[in-house]
């Protein structure tokens, strides 16, 4: 009896131990399983208490630093060209940032979805430690999130992370044909007259929107920008990149060993493409002192219709840069009222430098934004369609600036008065703006 009783007690104790183990496992298992899932798979979902969704603070600035201070978020965009993903345009340190996660809020189901990001630092860093990056995350199939947060960890509290609105969620009809992206305006920019002439030329050629990534400019330039914003032509994107990084005004690290080149121009250009992907038929990537001048067509719309007809499947059109030195001028169109305005009068500069066969002639672009994935300054890095170099007898870039071949005598320059075709409309429109802003 005693022996049998001990067996019974052993059996009871064994059962109790097994039951306790099962109870503990059943309590721990969801958390344990979830942690294992997050480590192994790039995507995972965890439940969030009702009413706790998307309560992180909305990002207030165009450039937002994450806690690591090595990652800077500009803006996320929905991109369904290669699957259902959120593509976040940002700036990262090319060595220090190895892992990031997207935190999606799925409402009203009460789910937080965490997706491991693919960090794609653009190849054109030009030696600088920080570069433009696409932070790409797969979205949950179960919902179409409107906000995303970015963090180094898949664990934590989403309420402590800044949240960013995912743009381009809804496809809409194009509101404009041409948008010009100018990045970046810096160095207390004060070339007022040439800026107004460029914008008015853009409008004559068919542009409805000019997007400017503004770091800083003069007080007088601020007045001009305010006029154009109220008119509806200009959209200003604040670009205080020097609040976060040591910025260079040079394009290569060897020229100026800072954190990032040319005020983060490449990041701004990529953001501008995605920002206008659903609202503009074409996006034009050039600087404020550059104008793509058509030689065979009266405006950009007829030129692009012709180029697309001749090049089906092309999404990128490259135009040669030609320098019109501001040091060589003509007395024609010396308009007295313009002489008090800071900046260059482009109508007086109609001599361009000849090509140098041994020197690369950089180009600027008119693109179909829906066919571009990544861009640099003078070419695209990744795109779906072909790139076409536009012949100089069709169009060229009028670029009025300091000379690159300053030792050339005037007679060695090429007289090119294409700009004068537009002189009547240009003078009238520039005067209108000046009298409402500067004069």
Protein backbone atom coordinates (compact mmCIF):
# COMPACT_ATOMS: atom_id res chain seq x y z
CA UNK A 1 0.00 0.00 0.00
CA UNK A 2 2.70 2.37 0.97
CA UNK A 3 4.62 1.63 -2.25
CA UNK A 4 1.46 2.01 -4.35
CA UNK A 5 0.63 5.33 -2.59
CA UNK A 6 4.06 6.70 -3.43
CA UNK A 7 3.47 5.82 -7.08
CA UNK A 8 0.15 7.65 -6.95
CA UNK A 9 1.74 10.73 -5.41
CA UNK A 10 4.49 10.65 -8.05
CA UNK A 11 1.92 10.46 -10.80
CA UNK A 12 -0.03 13.37 -9.36
CA UNK A 13 3.13 15.44 -9.00
CA UNK A 14 4.19 14.61 -12.55
CA UNK A 15 0.76 15.62 -13.91
CA UNK A 16 0.83 18.85 -11.93
CA UNK A 17 4.29 19.67 -13.31
CA UNK A 18 3.21 18.99 -16.88
CA UNK A 19 0.05 21.09 -16.40
CA UNK A 20 2.07 23.97 -14.95
CA UNK A 21 4.54 23.77 -17.83
CA UNK A 22 1.73 23.85 -20.38
CA UNK A 23 0.12 26.78 -18.61
CA UNK A 24 3.36 28.78 -18.60
CA UNK A 25 4.05 27.91 -22.25
CA UNK A 26 0.54 28.88 -23.31
CA UNK A 27 1.04 32.25 -21.63
CA UNK A 28 4.51 32.88 -23.05
CA UNK A 29 4.04 31.35 -26.47
CA UNK A 30 2.41 34.23 -28.40
CA UNK A 31 5.10 36.66 -27.27
CA UNK A 32 7.86 34.11 -27.85
CA UNK A 33 6.48 33.13 -31.23
CA UNK A 34 6.08 36.77 -32.25
CA UNK A 35 9.68 37.57 -31.33
CA UNK A 36 10.93 34.57 -33.29
CA UNK A 37 8.80 35.55 -36.29
CA UNK A 38 10.17 39.08 -36.28
CA UNK A 39 13.74 37.89 -36.24
CA UNK A 40 13.33 35.39 -39.06
CA UNK A 41 10.92 37.05 -41.45
CA UNK A 42 11.08 40.53 -42.93
CA UNK A 43 7.38 41.07 -42.17
CA UNK A 44 5.39 40.52 -39.02
CA UNK A 45 2.15 41.65 -37.43
CA UNK A 46 1.38 42.29 -33.79
CA UNK A 47 -1.87 43.32 -32.16
CA UNK A 48 -2.28 46.77 -30.64
CA UNK A 49 -4.89 47.72 -28.02
CA UNK A 50 -7.99 49.40 -29.38
CA UNK A 51 -7.68 53.17 -29.46
CA UNK A 52 -3.88 53.08 -29.35
CA UNK A 53 -3.27 53.20 -33.09
CA UNK A 54 -1.34 55.89 -34.96
CA UNK A 55 -0.84 58.02 -31.90
CA UNK A 56 2.77 58.89 -32.62
CA UNK A 57 3.47 62.57 -33.13
CA UNK A 58 3.10 63.66 -36.77
CA UNK A 59 6.41 64.81 -38.25
CA UNK A 60 6.43 68.60 -38.48
CA UNK A 61 9.46 69.22 -40.70
CA UNK A 62 10.53 68.32 -44.22
CA UNK A 63 13.72 66.73 -42.82
CA UNK A 64 13.28 64.67 -39.64
CA UNK A 65 16.22 63.13 -37.78
CA UNK A 66 15.67 59.69 -36.24
CA UNK A 67 17.04 58.85 -32.78
CA UNK A 68 20.24 57.41 -34.23
CA UNK A 69 21.08 60.81 -35.79
CA UNK A 70 22.42 58.88 -38.78
CA UNK A 71 19.07 58.62 -40.57
CA UNK A 72 17.03 61.56 -41.85
CA UNK A 73 13.54 61.08 -43.23
CA UNK A 74 12.17 63.40 -45.91
CA UNK A 75 8.91 61.78 -47.00
CA UNK A 76 7.30 58.37 -47.69
CA UNK A 77 5.49 57.63 -50.96
CA UNK A 78 3.25 54.76 -51.99
CA UNK A 79 4.79 52.92 -54.95
CA UNK A 80 2.94 50.02 -56.58
CA UNK A 81 5.10 49.74 -59.71
CA UNK A 82 6.95 46.69 -58.35
CA UNK A 83 4.54 45.47 -55.71
CA UNK A 84 2.78 47.16 -52.82
CA UNK A 85 5.51 49.12 -51.06
CA UNK A 86 6.18 52.35 -49.23
CA UNK A 87 9.27 54.09 -50.58
CA UNK A 88 10.73 56.53 -48.06
CA UNK A 89 13.02 59.21 -49.47
CA UNK A 90 15.75 59.95 -46.95
CA UNK A 91 19.40 60.58 -46.17
CA UNK A 92 21.54 57.98 -44.39
CA UNK A 93 25.15 57.41 -43.42
CA UNK A 94 26.27 54.83 -45.96
CA UNK A 95 28.22 52.72 -43.40
CA UNK A 96 26.53 53.27 -40.04
CA UNK A 97 22.91 52.57 -40.99
CA UNK A 98 22.47 48.83 -41.49
CA UNK A 99 18.92 48.07 -40.35
CA UNK A 100 15.63 49.98 -40.31
CA UNK A 101 12.00 48.95 -39.90
CA UNK A 102 8.74 50.45 -41.10
CA UNK A 103 5.92 50.51 -38.55
CA UNK A 104 2.53 50.61 -40.29
CA UNK A 105 -0.76 51.36 -38.57
CA UNK A 106 -3.71 49.35 -39.91
CA UNK A 107 -6.99 50.91 -38.90
CA UNK A 108 -9.60 50.04 -37.77
CA UNK A 109 -8.48 46.44 -37.26
CA UNK A 110 -6.19 47.30 -34.36
CA UNK A 111 -2.96 45.96 -35.85
CA UNK A 112 0.60 47.24 -35.93
CA UNK A 113 2.51 45.81 -38.86
CA UNK A 114 6.30 45.89 -38.76
CA UNK A 115 8.24 45.43 -42.01
CA UNK A 116 12.00 45.23 -42.41
CA UNK A 117 13.28 47.89 -44.78
CA UNK A 118 15.53 47.49 -47.76
CA UNK A 119 17.99 50.40 -47.46
CA UNK A 120 19.14 51.42 -50.94
CA UNK A 121 21.78 54.16 -50.75
CA UNK A 122 22.05 55.83 -54.15
CA UNK A 123 25.27 55.12 -55.99
CA UNK A 124 25.99 58.81 -56.68
CA UNK A 125 27.30 59.86 -53.25
CA UNK A 126 30.44 61.40 -54.81
CA UNK A 127 32.53 60.29 -51.84
CA UNK A 128 30.47 61.96 -49.11
CA UNK A 129 29.61 59.79 -46.08
CA UNK A 130 25.90 60.68 -46.27
CA UNK A 131 23.83 60.09 -49.37
CA UNK A 132 20.32 59.97 -50.75
CA UNK A 133 18.59 56.69 -49.89
CA UNK A 134 15.40 54.82 -50.65
CA UNK A 135 14.09 53.07 -47.55
CA UNK A 136 11.67 50.56 -49.06
CA UNK A 137 9.19 48.47 -47.07
CA UNK A 138 6.53 45.98 -48.13
CA UNK A 139 3.09 47.06 -47.00
CA UNK A 140 0.56 44.76 -45.29
CA UNK A 141 -1.83 43.07 -47.69
CA UNK A 142 -4.68 43.53 -45.24
CA UNK A 143 -4.80 47.33 -45.36
CA UNK A 144 -3.65 50.48 -47.12
CA UNK A 145 -1.84 52.39 -44.39
CA UNK A 146 -1.88 56.18 -44.50
CA UNK A 147 0.98 56.68 -42.04
CA UNK A 148 4.32 55.02 -41.33
CA UNK A 149 6.96 55.34 -38.63
CA UNK A 150 10.63 54.40 -39.11
CA UNK A 151 12.85 52.92 -36.41
CA UNK A 152 16.05 50.90 -36.01
CA UNK A 153 14.19 48.21 -34.04
CA UNK A 154 11.12 46.05 -34.70
CA UNK A 155 10.26 46.29 -30.99
CA UNK A 156 9.06 49.18 -28.90
CA UNK A 157 6.20 51.63 -28.56
CA UNK A 158 4.90 53.20 -31.76
CA UNK A 159 3.57 56.16 -29.78
CA UNK A 160 7.14 57.26 -29.15
CA UNK A 161 7.99 57.39 -32.87
CA UNK A 162 7.28 60.26 -35.27
CA UNK A 163 4.78 59.28 -37.94
CA UNK A 164 4.85 60.32 -41.58
CA UNK A 165 1.96 60.57 -44.00
CA UNK A 166 2.34 58.24 -46.99
CA UNK A 167 1.81 60.37 -50.10
CA UNK A 168 0.62 59.22 -53.56
CA UNK A 169 -1.83 56.76 -52.03
CA UNK A 170 -4.56 57.79 -54.48
CA UNK A 171 -3.98 58.12 -58.21
CA UNK A 172 -5.41 61.37 -59.53
CA UNK A 173 -5.63 63.07 -62.95
CA UNK A 174 -2.65 65.29 -63.76
CA UNK A 175 -3.20 68.84 -62.57
CA UNK A 176 -0.27 70.23 -64.64
CA UNK A 177 1.75 69.28 -67.71
CA UNK A 178 5.18 70.52 -66.57
CA UNK A 179 6.74 70.98 -63.14
CA UNK A 180 10.25 72.38 -62.75
CA UNK A 181 12.25 71.15 -59.73
CA UNK A 182 14.94 73.53 -58.48
CA UNK A 183 17.26 72.31 -55.74
CA UNK A 184 18.61 73.74 -53.71
CA UNK A 185 18.42 77.53 -53.23
CA UNK A 186 21.17 78.47 -50.80
CA UNK A 187 24.03 80.91 -50.14
CA UNK A 188 21.72 83.90 -49.48
CA UNK A 189 20.62 83.65 -53.13
CA UNK A 190 20.07 87.11 -54.61
CA UNK A 191 20.13 86.70 -58.42
CA UNK A 192 16.67 88.26 -58.52
CA UNK A 193 16.45 89.46 -62.12
CA UNK A 194 17.67 86.21 -63.67
CA UNK A 195 15.38 84.17 -61.40
CA UNK A 196 12.31 86.17 -62.50
CA UNK A 197 13.36 85.90 -66.15
CA UNK A 198 13.80 82.13 -65.80
CA UNK A 199 10.41 81.62 -64.17
CA UNK A 200 8.70 83.78 -66.78
CA UNK A 201 10.46 81.84 -69.54
CA UNK A 202 9.30 78.58 -67.95
CA UNK A 203 5.73 79.88 -68.01
CA UNK A 204 6.02 80.96 -71.66
CA UNK A 205 7.32 77.49 -72.53
CA UNK A 206 4.40 75.77 -70.76
CA UNK A 207 5.30 75.31 -67.08
CA UNK A 208 2.52 75.57 -64.51
CA UNK A 209 4.48 74.75 -61.33
CA UNK A 210 8.00 75.48 -60.05
CA UNK A 211 9.07 73.62 -56.90
CA UNK A 212 11.97 75.17 -54.98
CA UNK A 213 13.85 73.46 -52.15
CA UNK A 214 14.85 76.59 -50.24
CA UNK A 215 17.68 76.68 -47.77
CA UNK A 216 18.07 80.45 -47.69
CA UNK A 217 17.92 83.55 -49.87
CA UNK A 218 18.00 87.34 -49.62
CA UNK A 219 15.17 89.47 -48.24
CA UNK A 220 14.44 90.79 -51.73
CA UNK A 221 14.29 87.26 -53.11
CA UNK A 222 11.82 86.37 -50.36
CA UNK A 223 9.48 89.08 -51.66
CA UNK A 224 9.67 87.63 -55.17
CA UNK A 225 9.03 84.10 -53.93
CA UNK A 226 6.04 85.32 -51.91
CA UNK A 227 4.57 86.86 -55.07
CA UNK A 228 4.97 83.63 -57.03
CA UNK A 229 3.57 81.50 -54.22
CA UNK A 230 0.46 83.71 -54.02
CA UNK A 231 0.18 83.58 -57.81
CA UNK A 232 0.20 79.77 -57.60
CA UNK A 233 3.30 79.26 -59.74
CA UNK A 234 5.86 78.45 -57.04
CA UNK A 235 5.77 75.86 -54.26
CA UNK A 236 8.41 76.29 -51.54
CA UNK A 237 9.79 73.23 -49.76
CA UNK A 238 11.83 74.36 -46.71
CA UNK A 239 15.24 72.67 -46.85
CA UNK A 240 17.19 73.32 -43.61
CA UNK A 241 19.66 70.51 -44.19
CA UNK A 242 22.48 72.43 -42.52
CA UNK A 243 20.55 72.14 -39.23
CA UNK A 244 21.29 68.40 -39.33
CA UNK A 245 24.53 67.90 -41.28
CA UNK A 246 27.71 69.69 -42.27
CA UNK A 247 26.87 70.57 -45.85
CA UNK A 248 29.15 71.31 -48.76
CA UNK A 249 28.48 73.67 -51.64
CA UNK A 250 30.76 71.44 -53.75
CA UNK A 251 29.72 68.34 -55.64
CA UNK A 252 32.60 66.04 -54.59
CA UNK A 253 34.02 65.10 -51.17
CA UNK A 254 37.59 65.71 -52.40
CA UNK A 255 36.73 69.40 -52.89
CA UNK A 256 35.22 69.91 -49.44
CA UNK A 257 35.27 67.15 -46.81
CA UNK A 258 31.83 67.62 -45.25
CA UNK A 259 28.93 65.23 -44.52
CA UNK A 260 26.93 65.66 -47.71
CA UNK A 261 27.42 67.35 -51.05
CA UNK A 262 25.76 70.37 -52.63
CA UNK A 263 23.17 70.91 -49.88
CA UNK A 264 21.66 67.45 -50.39
CA UNK A 265 20.63 68.29 -53.94
CA UNK A 266 20.23 64.68 -55.05
CA UNK A 267 17.85 63.85 -52.19
CA UNK A 268 15.78 66.93 -53.01
CA UNK A 269 15.58 65.99 -56.70
CA UNK A 270 14.39 62.48 -55.89
CA UNK A 271 11.82 63.80 -53.44
CA UNK A 272 10.58 66.26 -56.07
CA UNK A 273 10.06 63.45 -58.58
CA UNK A 274 7.94 61.40 -56.19
CA UNK A 275 6.15 64.47 -54.83
CA UNK A 276 4.94 65.27 -58.36
CA UNK A 277 4.52 61.72 -59.65
CA UNK A 278 0.73 61.79 -59.50
CA UNK A 279 0.13 65.41 -60.36
CA UNK A 280 2.48 66.35 -63.24
CA UNK A 281 2.78 64.75 -66.67
CA UNK A 282 6.46 65.76 -66.90
CA UNK A 283 9.05 66.85 -64.35
CA UNK A 284 11.94 69.09 -65.40
CA UNK A 285 15.20 68.80 -63.44
CA UNK A 286 17.36 71.89 -63.87
CA UNK A 287 18.78 74.87 -61.97
CA UNK A 288 17.38 78.40 -61.71
CA UNK A 289 20.00 79.73 -64.15
CA UNK A 290 19.15 77.11 -66.80
CA UNK A 291 16.41 77.14 -69.44
CA UNK A 292 15.76 74.32 -71.90
CA UNK A 293 15.31 76.23 -75.16
CA UNK A 294 13.50 74.45 -78.01
CA UNK A 295 14.90 75.30 -81.43
CA UNK A 296 12.39 73.48 -83.65
CA UNK A 297 9.23 73.96 -81.57
CA UNK A 298 7.51 76.97 -79.99
CA UNK A 299 7.11 75.40 -76.55
CA UNK A 300 7.80 72.32 -74.45
CA UNK A 301 4.44 70.66 -75.04
CA UNK A 302 4.84 70.44 -78.81
CA UNK A 303 8.51 69.50 -78.39
CA UNK A 304 7.74 66.66 -75.97
CA UNK A 305 4.85 65.38 -78.11
CA UNK A 306 7.28 65.12 -81.01
CA UNK A 307 10.07 63.53 -78.96
CA UNK A 308 7.74 60.93 -77.45
CA UNK A 309 6.31 60.09 -80.86
CA UNK A 310 9.83 59.55 -82.20
CA UNK A 311 10.96 57.60 -79.12
CA UNK A 312 8.16 55.32 -77.92
CA UNK A 313 8.93 53.80 -74.53
CA UNK A 314 11.36 56.54 -73.51
CA UNK A 315 10.84 58.18 -70.13
CA UNK A 316 13.98 60.32 -69.82
CA UNK A 317 15.04 63.08 -72.22
CA UNK A 318 18.52 64.56 -71.78
CA UNK A 319 19.42 68.07 -72.98
CA UNK A 320 22.97 69.35 -73.48
CA UNK A 321 24.21 72.15 -71.27
CA UNK A 322 25.65 75.19 -73.08
CA UNK A 323 27.37 78.06 -71.27
CA UNK A 324 26.41 81.64 -72.15
CA UNK A 325 29.04 83.57 -70.17
CA UNK A 326 27.67 86.50 -68.20
CA UNK A 327 30.98 88.30 -68.84
CA UNK A 328 30.17 88.75 -72.55
CA UNK A 329 27.19 90.99 -73.21
CA UNK A 330 25.40 93.05 -75.83
CA UNK A 331 23.87 96.52 -75.37
CA UNK A 332 20.60 95.39 -76.93
CA UNK A 333 17.79 95.05 -74.36
CA UNK A 334 19.59 97.29 -71.88
CA UNK A 335 16.38 98.16 -70.05
CA UNK A 336 17.06 101.02 -67.65
CA UNK A 337 14.46 100.06 -65.05
CA UNK A 338 16.11 96.63 -64.70
CA UNK A 339 19.52 98.07 -63.88
CA UNK A 340 18.61 98.62 -60.22
CA UNK A 341 17.54 94.98 -59.78
CA UNK A 342 20.24 92.57 -58.51
CA UNK A 343 21.09 89.80 -60.93
CA UNK A 344 21.86 89.05 -64.56
CA UNK A 345 19.80 90.21 -67.56
CA UNK A 346 19.84 87.08 -69.72
CA UNK A 347 18.61 88.94 -72.83
CA UNK A 348 22.01 90.63 -73.02
CA UNK A 349 23.96 87.36 -73.09
CA UNK A 350 23.59 85.58 -76.42
CA UNK A 351 27.11 84.27 -77.03
CA UNK A 352 27.81 80.68 -76.05
CA UNK A 353 31.02 78.81 -75.53
CA UNK A 354 31.94 76.20 -78.16
CA UNK A 355 31.95 72.52 -77.24
CA UNK A 356 35.20 70.96 -76.10
CA UNK A 357 35.52 67.43 -77.44
CA UNK A 358 37.73 66.30 -74.57
CA UNK A 359 35.38 67.62 -71.86
CA UNK A 360 32.14 65.94 -70.81
CA UNK A 361 29.14 68.14 -71.50
CA UNK A 362 26.70 67.64 -68.60
CA UNK A 363 23.00 67.33 -69.29
CA UNK A 364 19.73 68.12 -67.57
CA UNK A 365 16.43 66.31 -67.99
CA UNK A 366 12.76 66.31 -68.73
CA UNK A 367 11.33 63.05 -67.38
CA UNK A 368 8.12 61.09 -67.09
CA UNK A 369 8.21 60.73 -63.27
CA UNK A 370 6.25 57.47 -63.30
CA UNK A 371 9.08 55.84 -65.27
CA UNK A 372 11.90 56.91 -62.95
CA UNK A 373 12.97 55.10 -59.77
CA UNK A 374 16.15 56.99 -58.81
CA UNK A 375 17.85 60.03 -60.29
CA UNK A 376 21.17 61.78 -60.04
CA UNK A 377 21.79 65.35 -61.25
CA UNK A 378 22.78 64.74 -64.88
CA UNK A 379 21.21 61.31 -65.52
CA UNK A 380 18.82 58.85 -63.96
CA UNK A 381 20.23 55.94 -61.95
CA UNK A 382 17.25 53.58 -62.31
CA UNK A 383 14.28 53.82 -64.62
CA UNK A 384 11.78 51.65 -66.49
CA UNK A 385 12.01 53.35 -69.87
CA UNK A 386 14.87 54.36 -72.14
CA UNK A 387 16.92 57.54 -71.90
CA UNK A 388 17.19 59.68 -75.04
CA UNK A 389 19.85 62.33 -75.73
CA UNK A 390 18.07 65.17 -77.51
CA UNK A 391 20.08 66.57 -80.47
CA UNK A 392 21.27 70.17 -80.07
CA UNK A 393 19.41 71.20 -83.23
CA UNK A 394 16.16 70.27 -81.44
CA UNK A 395 16.84 71.92 -78.07
CA UNK A 396 19.66 72.96 -75.77
CA UNK A 397 20.11 74.31 -72.27
CA UNK A 398 20.66 78.05 -72.13
CA UNK A 399 22.92 78.35 -69.05
CA UNK A 400 23.94 81.93 -68.25
CA UNK A 401 26.71 81.91 -65.62
CA UNK A 402 30.39 82.63 -65.09
CA UNK A 403 32.42 81.29 -68.03
CA UNK A 404 34.13 77.93 -68.11
CA UNK A 405 36.37 79.03 -71.00
CA UNK A 406 37.10 82.52 -69.75
CA UNK A 407 40.22 83.03 -71.85
CA UNK A 408 38.38 82.70 -75.17
CA UNK A 409 38.09 85.92 -77.21
CA UNK A 410 34.60 87.10 -78.13
CA UNK A 411 35.03 86.10 -81.77
CA UNK A 412 35.56 82.45 -80.71
CA UNK A 413 32.10 82.33 -79.10
CA UNK A 414 28.97 81.30 -81.01
CA UNK A 415 26.29 83.98 -81.35
CA UNK A 416 22.95 82.33 -80.54
CA UNK A 417 19.89 84.59 -80.31
CA UNK A 418 17.28 81.84 -79.88
CA UNK A 419 16.20 83.48 -76.60
CA UNK A 420 15.22 86.65 -78.47
CA UNK A 421 12.30 84.84 -80.10
CA UNK A 422 10.51 85.32 -76.80
CA UNK A 423 11.74 88.84 -75.98
CA UNK A 424 8.42 90.68 -76.34
CA UNK A 425 6.43 88.40 -74.02
CA UNK A 426 9.39 87.99 -71.66
CA UNK A 427 9.96 91.75 -71.19
CA UNK A 428 6.26 92.42 -70.62
CA UNK A 429 5.92 89.58 -68.07
CA UNK A 430 9.14 90.43 -66.21
CA UNK A 431 8.07 94.08 -65.91
CA UNK A 432 4.74 93.02 -64.45
CA UNK A 433 6.47 90.99 -61.72
CA UNK A 434 9.09 93.65 -60.99
CA UNK A 435 6.54 96.41 -60.57
CA UNK A 436 4.60 94.27 -58.07
CA UNK A 437 7.63 93.14 -56.08
CA UNK A 438 10.90 95.07 -56.47
CA UNK A 439 10.43 98.38 -58.30
